Amino acid sequence: MKKLLFIYSLSLFFSCTNKKVKKQSHENENSFSLSYEQAKNLEHKFYQEYADDLLLNRSLEIENKLISIENINLKYHIKFFGEMPLTGWSLFISLHGGGGVDPSINERQWNRHKGLYQLKQGILLTPRSPTDTWNMWHQEHIDKILNRLIQNMIAKYKINPNKCFSF
């Protein structure tokens, strides 16, 4: 059956004529194409509308520095270094270690972790793990929470999305 299907496919392939397709001229017709500049302007407009809506809907969580998804809470600390470049801030997410201990110990480690690093330029974001387990940054909910946090940071603080790093 496979051989028959293969032979049939080959015969169809070789029996088709190679007709030249006449190119249509659109020079005299109305066109809906955009110039590069128009496309960039629309991109900026649509992004700004999205960012404004995001900031409006998430203003409390941004102000409180607290992300809550599915009853899991992540609080965070941010610190600015230097001046914002024309291309936007770089974001450095510093994930603290610990876990498997009493929550008060993890809280103390997080507070200590906030001051460990200095940057020449950028925003240092230090999140407090939402759990106190040994695998605190490798659980299913973390991706959703960090994604939302990064979206908020990009919209609120003009983060360059190509310069988001974690360590």
N, C-alpha and C. Protein backbone atom coordinates (compact mmCIF):
# COMPACT_ATOMS: atom_id res chain seq x y z
N MET A 1 0.83 -1.18 0.00
CA MET A 1 0.00 0.00 0.00
C MET A 1 0.88 1.26 0.00
N LYS A 2 1.96 1.21 0.80
CA LYS A 2 2.84 2.37 0.86
C LYS A 2 3.51 2.61 -0.49
N LYS A 3 3.91 1.50 -1.17
CA LYS A 3 4.55 1.62 -2.48
C LYS A 3 3.59 2.24 -3.49
N LEU A 4 2.34 1.83 -3.44
CA LEU A 4 1.34 2.35 -4.35
C LEU A 4 1.13 3.85 -4.13
N LEU A 5 1.05 4.25 -2.87
CA LEU A 5 0.87 5.66 -2.53
C LEU A 5 2.08 6.47 -2.99
N PHE A 6 3.26 5.92 -2.82
CA PHE A 6 4.49 6.61 -3.24
C PHE A 6 4.51 6.78 -4.77
N ILE A 7 4.18 5.73 -5.49
CA ILE A 7 4.16 5.79 -6.96
C ILE A 7 3.11 6.79 -7.43
N TYR A 8 1.96 6.78 -6.82
CA TYR A 8 0.90 7.72 -7.17
C TYR A 8 1.37 9.16 -6.93
N SER A 9 2.03 9.41 -5.81
CA SER A 9 2.53 10.75 -5.50
C SER A 9 3.55 11.20 -6.53
N LEU A 10 4.45 10.29 -6.91
CA LEU A 10 5.46 10.62 -7.92
C LEU A 10 4.82 10.96 -9.27
N SER A 11 3.82 10.17 -9.65
CA SER A 11 3.17 10.43 -10.93
C SER A 11 2.46 11.78 -10.93
N LEU A 12 1.86 12.14 -9.82
CA LEU A 12 1.22 13.46 -9.72
C LEU A 12 2.27 14.57 -9.80
N PHE A 13 3.37 14.35 -9.14
CA PHE A 13 4.44 15.36 -9.13
C PHE A 13 4.96 15.62 -10.54
N PHE A 14 5.23 14.55 -11.29
CA PHE A 14 5.81 14.70 -12.61
C PHE A 14 4.78 15.05 -13.68
N SER A 15 3.52 14.85 -13.41
CA SER A 15 2.51 15.16 -14.42
C SER A 15 2.06 16.61 -14.37
N CYS A 16 2.37 17.30 -13.29
CA CYS A 16 1.99 18.72 -13.18
C CYS A 16 2.81 19.54 -14.15
N THR A 17 2.16 20.46 -14.80
CA THR A 17 2.89 21.34 -15.71
C THR A 17 3.46 22.50 -14.92
N ASN A 18 4.53 22.98 -15.39
CA ASN A 18 5.20 24.09 -14.72
C ASN A 18 4.75 25.38 -15.38
N LYS A 19 3.62 25.87 -14.95
CA LYS A 19 3.07 27.09 -15.53
C LYS A 19 3.73 28.29 -14.87
N LYS A 20 4.02 29.26 -15.68
CA LYS A 20 4.56 30.52 -15.16
C LYS A 20 3.40 31.30 -14.55
N VAL A 21 3.62 31.82 -13.37
CA VAL A 21 2.60 32.60 -12.71
C VAL A 21 2.84 34.06 -13.05
N LYS A 22 1.82 34.67 -13.58
CA LYS A 22 1.93 36.08 -13.94
C LYS A 22 1.94 36.91 -12.67
N LYS A 23 2.95 37.74 -12.54
CA LYS A 23 3.02 38.62 -11.37
C LYS A 23 2.01 39.73 -11.55
N GLN A 24 1.31 39.99 -10.47
CA GLN A 24 0.32 41.04 -10.53
C GLN A 24 0.96 42.35 -10.12
N SER A 25 0.60 43.37 -10.82
CA SER A 25 1.13 44.70 -10.50
C SER A 25 0.16 45.40 -9.57
N HIS A 26 0.70 45.93 -8.50
CA HIS A 26 -0.13 46.64 -7.52
C HIS A 26 0.19 48.12 -7.52
N GLU A 27 0.91 48.55 -8.53
CA GLU A 27 1.34 49.95 -8.54
C GLU A 27 0.17 50.90 -8.59
N ASN A 28 -0.87 50.56 -9.30
CA ASN A 28 -1.99 51.48 -9.48
C ASN A 28 -3.15 51.16 -8.54
N GLU A 29 -3.00 50.16 -7.72
CA GLU A 29 -4.08 49.77 -6.82
C GLU A 29 -3.84 50.36 -5.44
N ASN A 30 -4.91 50.52 -4.69
CA ASN A 30 -4.76 50.94 -3.30
C ASN A 30 -4.11 49.80 -2.53
N SER A 31 -3.18 50.14 -1.68
CA SER A 31 -2.46 49.11 -0.94
C SER A 31 -2.61 49.35 0.56
N PHE A 32 -2.65 48.25 1.30
CA PHE A 32 -2.74 48.36 2.75
C PHE A 32 -1.41 48.06 3.42
N SER A 33 -0.35 48.10 2.67
CA SER A 33 0.96 47.82 3.26
C SER A 33 1.43 49.04 4.04
N LEU A 34 2.29 48.77 5.02
CA LEU A 34 2.83 49.83 5.87
C LEU A 34 4.30 50.05 5.57
N SER A 35 4.71 51.26 5.75
CA SER A 35 6.14 51.52 5.67
C SER A 35 6.76 51.05 6.98
N TYR A 36 8.07 50.95 7.02
CA TYR A 36 8.77 50.55 8.24
C TYR A 36 8.45 51.53 9.36
N GLU A 37 8.48 52.81 9.06
CA GLU A 37 8.21 53.84 10.08
C GLU A 37 6.78 53.73 10.61
N GLN A 38 5.81 53.50 9.72
CA GLN A 38 4.43 53.33 10.17
C GLN A 38 4.28 52.10 11.05
N ALA A 39 4.95 51.01 10.67
CA ALA A 39 4.89 49.78 11.48
C ALA A 39 5.49 50.01 12.85
N LYS A 40 6.63 50.70 12.92
CA LYS A 40 7.26 50.97 14.22
C LYS A 40 6.36 51.86 15.08
N ASN A 41 5.70 52.84 14.47
CA ASN A 41 4.78 53.70 15.21
C ASN A 41 3.60 52.91 15.76
N LEU A 42 3.05 52.00 14.95
CA LEU A 42 1.95 51.15 15.43
C LEU A 42 2.42 50.22 16.54
N GLU A 43 3.61 49.66 16.37
CA GLU A 43 4.16 48.80 17.42
C GLU A 43 4.24 49.56 18.74
N HIS A 44 4.77 50.77 18.69
CA HIS A 44 4.90 51.59 19.91
C HIS A 44 3.52 51.91 20.49
N LYS A 45 2.57 52.27 19.63
CA LYS A 45 1.22 52.61 20.09
C LYS A 45 0.55 51.42 20.77
N PHE A 46 0.61 50.24 20.11
CA PHE A 46 -0.03 49.05 20.68
C PHE A 46 0.63 48.63 21.98
N TYR A 47 1.96 48.70 22.03
CA TYR A 47 2.65 48.35 23.27
C TYR A 47 2.25 49.30 24.38
N GLN A 48 2.21 50.61 24.08
CA GLN A 48 1.88 51.59 25.11
C GLN A 48 0.47 51.38 25.65
N GLU A 49 -0.46 51.05 24.76
CA GLU A 49 -1.83 50.75 25.21
C GLU A 49 -1.84 49.52 26.12
N TYR A 50 -1.10 48.48 25.75
CA TYR A 50 -1.00 47.27 26.57
C TYR A 50 -0.38 47.59 27.92
N ALA A 51 0.73 48.33 27.92
CA ALA A 51 1.42 48.65 29.17
C ALA A 51 0.54 49.52 30.07
N ASP A 52 -0.15 50.49 29.50
CA ASP A 52 -1.03 51.35 30.30
C ASP A 52 -2.14 50.54 30.95
N ASP A 53 -2.72 49.60 30.19
CA ASP A 53 -3.77 48.73 30.72
C ASP A 53 -3.23 47.83 31.82
N LEU A 54 -2.04 47.27 31.59
CA LEU A 54 -1.40 46.41 32.59
C LEU A 54 -1.16 47.19 33.89
N LEU A 55 -0.62 48.39 33.77
CA LEU A 55 -0.33 49.20 34.96
C LEU A 55 -1.61 49.57 35.71
N LEU A 56 -2.67 49.85 34.97
CA LEU A 56 -3.94 50.18 35.60
C LEU A 56 -4.50 48.99 36.38
N ASN A 57 -4.46 47.80 35.75
CA ASN A 57 -5.03 46.61 36.38
C ASN A 57 -4.16 46.01 37.48
N ARG A 58 -2.88 46.32 37.48
CA ARG A 58 -1.96 45.72 38.45
C ARG A 58 -1.32 46.75 39.37
N SER A 59 -1.89 47.93 39.46
CA SER A 59 -1.27 49.01 40.22
C SER A 59 -1.06 48.65 41.70
N LEU A 60 -2.01 47.97 42.31
CA LEU A 60 -1.86 47.62 43.73
C LEU A 60 -0.73 46.62 43.97
N GLU A 61 -0.64 45.60 43.13
CA GLU A 61 0.42 44.62 43.34
C GLU A 61 1.79 45.23 43.07
N ILE A 62 1.87 46.17 42.13
CA ILE A 62 3.14 46.85 41.86
C ILE A 62 3.50 47.76 43.03
N GLU A 63 2.52 48.52 43.51
CA GLU A 63 2.76 49.42 44.64
C GLU A 63 3.15 48.66 45.90
N ASN A 64 2.48 47.54 46.15
CA ASN A 64 2.75 46.74 47.35
C ASN A 64 3.94 45.80 47.19
N LYS A 65 4.48 45.70 45.97
CA LYS A 65 5.58 44.78 45.66
C LYS A 65 5.24 43.36 46.14
N LEU A 66 4.07 42.92 45.71
CA LEU A 66 3.55 41.60 46.11
C LEU A 66 2.75 40.99 44.96
N ILE A 67 3.22 39.86 44.46
CA ILE A 67 2.52 39.12 43.41
C ILE A 67 1.77 37.97 44.05
N SER A 68 0.47 37.83 43.74
CA SER A 68 -0.34 36.73 44.26
C SER A 68 -1.00 36.01 43.11
N ILE A 69 -0.68 34.72 42.96
CA ILE A 69 -1.30 33.89 41.94
C ILE A 69 -1.67 32.57 42.60
N GLU A 70 -2.94 32.18 42.46
CA GLU A 70 -3.43 30.91 43.00
C GLU A 70 -3.08 30.75 44.47
N ASN A 71 -3.30 31.79 45.26
CA ASN A 71 -3.05 31.80 46.71
C ASN A 71 -1.58 31.60 47.07
N ILE A 72 -0.70 31.89 46.16
CA ILE A 72 0.74 31.84 46.43
C ILE A 72 1.27 33.26 46.28
N ASN A 73 1.96 33.74 47.31
CA ASN A 73 2.42 35.12 47.35
C ASN A 73 3.93 35.23 47.24
N LEU A 74 4.36 36.19 46.44
CA LEU A 74 5.78 36.47 46.30
C LEU A 74 5.97 37.97 46.52
N LYS A 75 6.72 38.32 47.55
CA LYS A 75 7.06 39.73 47.75
C LYS A 75 8.48 39.94 47.23
N TYR A 76 8.81 41.18 46.94
CA TYR A 76 10.12 41.45 46.36
C TYR A 76 10.62 42.83 46.75
N HIS A 77 11.91 43.02 46.58
CA HIS A 77 12.58 44.28 46.88
C HIS A 77 13.30 44.73 45.61
N ILE A 78 13.26 46.03 45.31
CA ILE A 78 13.99 46.53 44.15
C ILE A 78 14.91 47.67 44.56
N LYS A 79 16.05 47.75 43.89
CA LYS A 79 17.03 48.80 44.15
C LYS A 79 17.60 49.25 42.81
N PHE A 80 17.66 50.56 42.61
CA PHE A 80 18.15 51.15 41.36
C PHE A 80 19.61 51.55 41.50
N PHE A 81 20.38 51.32 40.43
CA PHE A 81 21.79 51.70 40.39
C PHE A 81 22.04 52.48 39.10
N GLY A 82 22.68 53.63 39.21
CA GLY A 82 23.04 54.43 38.04
C GLY A 82 21.85 55.10 37.39
N GLU A 83 22.05 55.50 36.15
CA GLU A 83 21.03 56.18 35.36
C GLU A 83 20.45 55.22 34.33
N MET A 84 19.18 55.42 34.00
CA MET A 84 18.55 54.57 33.00
C MET A 84 19.13 54.89 31.61
N PRO A 85 19.64 53.90 30.90
CA PRO A 85 20.12 54.12 29.52
C PRO A 85 18.95 54.44 28.58
N LEU A 86 19.25 54.97 27.43
CA LEU A 86 18.22 55.27 26.43
C LEU A 86 17.46 54.03 26.00
N THR A 87 18.11 52.88 26.05
CA THR A 87 17.48 51.62 25.63
C THR A 87 16.70 50.95 26.76
N GLY A 88 16.62 51.57 27.93
CA GLY A 88 15.88 51.00 29.06
C GLY A 88 16.81 50.34 30.07
N TRP A 89 16.27 50.12 31.26
CA TRP A 89 17.03 49.50 32.34
C TRP A 89 17.36 48.04 32.05
N SER A 90 18.44 47.57 32.62
CA SER A 90 18.73 46.14 32.71
C SER A 90 18.14 45.66 34.03
N LEU A 91 17.60 44.46 34.04
CA LEU A 91 16.99 43.89 35.25
C LEU A 91 17.80 42.67 35.68
N PHE A 92 18.24 42.67 36.93
CA PHE A 92 18.99 41.56 37.51
C PHE A 92 18.15 40.99 38.64
N ILE A 93 17.73 39.74 38.50
CA ILE A 93 16.90 39.08 39.50
C ILE A 93 17.80 38.17 40.32
N SER A 94 17.92 38.49 41.59
CA SER A 94 18.81 37.75 42.49
C SER A 94 17.99 36.79 43.34
N LEU A 95 18.06 35.51 43.02
CA LEU A 95 17.29 34.48 43.71
C LEU A 95 18.08 33.98 44.91
N HIS A 96 17.55 34.23 46.11
CA HIS A 96 18.27 33.83 47.32
C HIS A 96 18.16 32.33 47.55
N GLY A 97 19.13 31.81 48.24
CA GLY A 97 19.14 30.39 48.58
C GLY A 97 18.42 30.14 49.89
N GLY A 98 18.57 28.97 50.40
CA GLY A 98 17.92 28.62 51.67
C GLY A 98 16.86 27.57 51.45
N GLY A 99 15.87 27.61 52.28
CA GLY A 99 14.78 26.65 52.19
C GLY A 99 15.00 25.48 53.12
N GLY A 100 13.92 24.80 53.41
CA GLY A 100 13.99 23.65 54.28
C GLY A 100 14.22 24.03 55.73
N VAL A 101 14.02 25.29 56.05
CA VAL A 101 14.20 25.77 57.43
C VAL A 101 12.97 26.57 57.84
N ASP A 102 12.97 27.03 59.06
CA ASP A 102 11.87 27.83 59.58
C ASP A 102 11.70 29.11 58.74
N PRO A 103 10.45 29.52 58.48
CA PRO A 103 10.22 30.73 57.68
C PRO A 103 10.95 31.97 58.21
N SER A 104 11.12 32.09 59.51
CA SER A 104 11.82 33.27 60.04
C SER A 104 13.28 33.29 59.60
N ILE A 105 13.89 32.12 59.44
CA ILE A 105 15.28 32.04 58.97
C ILE A 105 15.35 32.44 57.50
N ASN A 106 14.40 31.95 56.69
CA ASN A 106 14.38 32.34 55.27
C ASN A 106 14.11 33.84 55.12
N GLU A 107 13.28 34.38 55.98
CA GLU A 107 13.01 35.83 55.95
C GLU A 107 14.29 36.61 56.25
N ARG A 108 15.02 36.17 57.23
CA ARG A 108 16.29 36.81 57.60
C ARG A 108 17.32 36.69 56.46
N GLN A 109 17.38 35.51 55.84
CA GLN A 109 18.30 35.32 54.71
C GLN A 109 17.91 36.23 53.54
N TRP A 110 16.62 36.38 53.29
CA TRP A 110 16.17 37.27 52.20
C TRP A 110 16.56 38.71 52.49
N ASN A 111 16.33 39.15 53.71
CA ASN A 111 16.69 40.53 54.08
C ASN A 111 18.20 40.76 53.94
N ARG A 112 18.99 39.80 54.30
CA ARG A 112 20.44 39.90 54.15
C ARG A 112 20.82 39.91 52.67
N HIS A 113 20.14 39.11 51.88
CA HIS A 113 20.43 38.96 50.46
C HIS A 113 20.20 40.26 49.68
N LYS A 114 19.27 41.09 50.13
CA LYS A 114 18.95 42.35 49.45
C LYS A 114 20.17 43.25 49.30
N GLY A 115 21.10 43.20 50.25
CA GLY A 115 22.25 44.10 50.21
C GLY A 115 23.55 43.45 49.76
N LEU A 116 23.51 42.24 49.26
CA LEU A 116 24.73 41.53 48.90
C LEU A 116 25.42 42.08 47.66
N TYR A 117 24.68 42.61 46.71
CA TYR A 117 25.24 42.96 45.42
C TYR A 117 25.10 44.44 45.12
N GLN A 118 26.09 44.97 44.43
CA GLN A 118 26.08 46.35 43.94
C GLN A 118 26.25 46.28 42.43
N LEU A 119 25.54 47.13 41.72
CA LEU A 119 25.63 47.18 40.26
C LEU A 119 26.15 48.54 39.83
N LYS A 120 26.77 48.59 38.66
CA LYS A 120 27.14 49.89 38.09
C LYS A 120 25.90 50.56 37.52
N GLN A 121 25.07 49.78 36.86
CA GLN A 121 23.84 50.29 36.25
C GLN A 121 22.83 49.16 36.20
N GLY A 122 21.59 49.47 36.54
CA GLY A 122 20.52 48.49 36.42
C GLY A 122 19.61 48.49 37.63
N ILE A 123 18.67 47.58 37.59
CA ILE A 123 17.75 47.38 38.71
C ILE A 123 18.02 46.00 39.28
N LEU A 124 18.26 45.96 40.58
CA LEU A 124 18.44 44.69 41.28
C LEU A 124 17.11 44.34 41.93
N LEU A 125 16.55 43.21 41.54
CA LEU A 125 15.28 42.74 42.08
C LEU A 125 15.57 41.49 42.91
N THR A 126 15.19 41.53 44.17
CA THR A 126 15.41 40.39 45.06
C THR A 126 14.05 39.89 45.54
N PRO A 127 13.56 38.80 44.94
CA PRO A 127 12.28 38.25 45.39
C PRO A 127 12.45 37.36 46.63
N ARG A 128 11.43 37.33 47.46
CA ARG A 128 11.37 36.42 48.60
C ARG A 128 10.60 35.19 48.13
N SER A 129 11.22 34.04 48.22
CA SER A 129 10.57 32.83 47.75
C SER A 129 9.20 32.67 48.42
N PRO A 130 8.19 32.27 47.64
CA PRO A 130 6.86 32.08 48.23
C PRO A 130 6.75 30.85 49.11
N THR A 131 7.75 29.97 49.04
CA THR A 131 7.73 28.78 49.91
C THR A 131 9.06 28.70 50.66
N ASP A 132 9.09 27.88 51.66
CA ASP A 132 10.30 27.70 52.47
C ASP A 132 10.86 26.29 52.29
N THR A 133 10.71 25.78 51.09
CA THR A 133 11.17 24.42 50.81
C THR A 133 12.55 24.46 50.16
N TRP A 134 13.23 23.33 50.15
CA TRP A 134 14.58 23.26 49.60
C TRP A 134 14.59 23.54 48.10
N ASN A 135 13.50 23.26 47.39
CA ASN A 135 13.42 23.49 45.94
C ASN A 135 12.56 24.71 45.62
N MET A 136 12.70 25.74 46.41
CA MET A 136 11.82 26.91 46.36
C MET A 136 11.70 27.57 44.98
N TRP A 137 12.74 27.57 44.18
CA TRP A 137 12.70 28.23 42.86
C TRP A 137 12.44 27.24 41.72
N HIS A 138 12.13 25.99 42.07
CA HIS A 138 11.93 24.96 41.04
C HIS A 138 10.58 24.28 41.20
N GLN A 139 9.56 25.07 41.50
CA GLN A 139 8.22 24.53 41.64
C GLN A 139 7.34 25.08 40.53
N GLU A 140 6.25 24.41 40.28
CA GLU A 140 5.39 24.73 39.13
C GLU A 140 4.89 26.18 39.12
N HIS A 141 4.58 26.73 40.27
CA HIS A 141 4.02 28.08 40.33
C HIS A 141 5.04 29.19 40.06
N ILE A 142 6.32 28.89 40.18
CA ILE A 142 7.36 29.92 40.06
C ILE A 142 7.37 30.57 38.69
N ASP A 143 7.25 29.80 37.62
CA ASP A 143 7.28 30.38 36.27
C ASP A 143 6.17 31.41 36.07
N LYS A 144 4.97 31.08 36.51
CA LYS A 144 3.84 32.02 36.36
C LYS A 144 4.10 33.31 37.14
N ILE A 145 4.59 33.15 38.36
CA ILE A 145 4.82 34.32 39.21
C ILE A 145 5.94 35.19 38.65
N LEU A 146 7.06 34.58 38.29
CA LEU A 146 8.18 35.36 37.75
C LEU A 146 7.82 36.00 36.41
N ASN A 147 7.04 35.32 35.59
CA ASN A 147 6.59 35.91 34.33
C ASN A 147 5.78 37.18 34.58
N ARG A 148 4.86 37.09 35.52
CA ARG A 148 4.04 38.26 35.85
C ARG A 148 4.89 39.38 36.43
N LEU A 149 5.82 39.03 37.29
CA LEU A 149 6.71 40.02 37.90
C LEU A 149 7.53 40.74 36.83
N ILE A 150 8.09 39.98 35.89
CA ILE A 150 8.89 40.59 34.82
C ILE A 150 8.01 41.47 33.92
N GLN A 151 6.80 41.04 33.62
CA GLN A 151 5.88 41.89 32.85
C GLN A 151 5.65 43.22 33.56
N ASN A 152 5.40 43.14 34.87
CA ASN A 152 5.17 44.36 35.65
C ASN A 152 6.39 45.28 35.62
N MET A 153 7.56 44.69 35.77
CA MET A 153 8.79 45.49 35.79
C MET A 153 9.04 46.16 34.44
N ILE A 154 8.79 45.45 33.35
CA ILE A 154 8.99 46.02 32.02
C ILE A 154 8.05 47.21 31.81
N ALA A 155 6.78 47.04 32.19
CA ALA A 155 5.80 48.10 31.98
C ALA A 155 6.03 49.29 32.91
N LYS A 156 6.32 49.03 34.16
CA LYS A 156 6.43 50.11 35.16
C LYS A 156 7.77 50.85 35.08
N TYR A 157 8.85 50.11 34.93
CA TYR A 157 10.17 50.73 35.08
C TYR A 157 10.96 50.80 33.78
N LYS A 158 10.30 50.57 32.66
CA LYS A 158 10.97 50.68 31.35
C LYS A 158 12.20 49.76 31.26
N ILE A 159 12.00 48.50 31.65
CA ILE A 159 13.05 47.49 31.54
C ILE A 159 13.21 47.11 30.08
N ASN A 160 14.43 46.95 29.64
CA ASN A 160 14.69 46.44 28.30
C ASN A 160 14.46 44.93 28.35
N PRO A 161 13.46 44.40 27.65
CA PRO A 161 13.15 42.97 27.74
C PRO A 161 14.29 42.06 27.28
N ASN A 162 15.25 42.61 26.54
CA ASN A 162 16.39 41.84 26.09
C ASN A 162 17.52 41.84 27.11
N LYS A 163 17.29 42.50 28.24
CA LYS A 163 18.33 42.59 29.27
C LYS A 163 17.77 42.23 30.64
N CYS A 164 17.13 41.08 30.72
CA CYS A 164 16.62 40.53 31.98
C CYS A 164 17.46 39.31 32.32
N PHE A 165 18.06 39.33 33.50
CA PHE A 165 18.98 38.27 33.91
C PHE A 165 18.61 37.78 35.30
N SER A 166 18.91 36.51 35.58
CA SER A 166 18.71 36.01 36.94
C SER A 166 20.01 35.28 37.35
N PHE A 167 20.25 35.34 38.64
CA PHE A 167 21.41 34.64 39.19
C PHE A 167 21.13 34.22 40.61
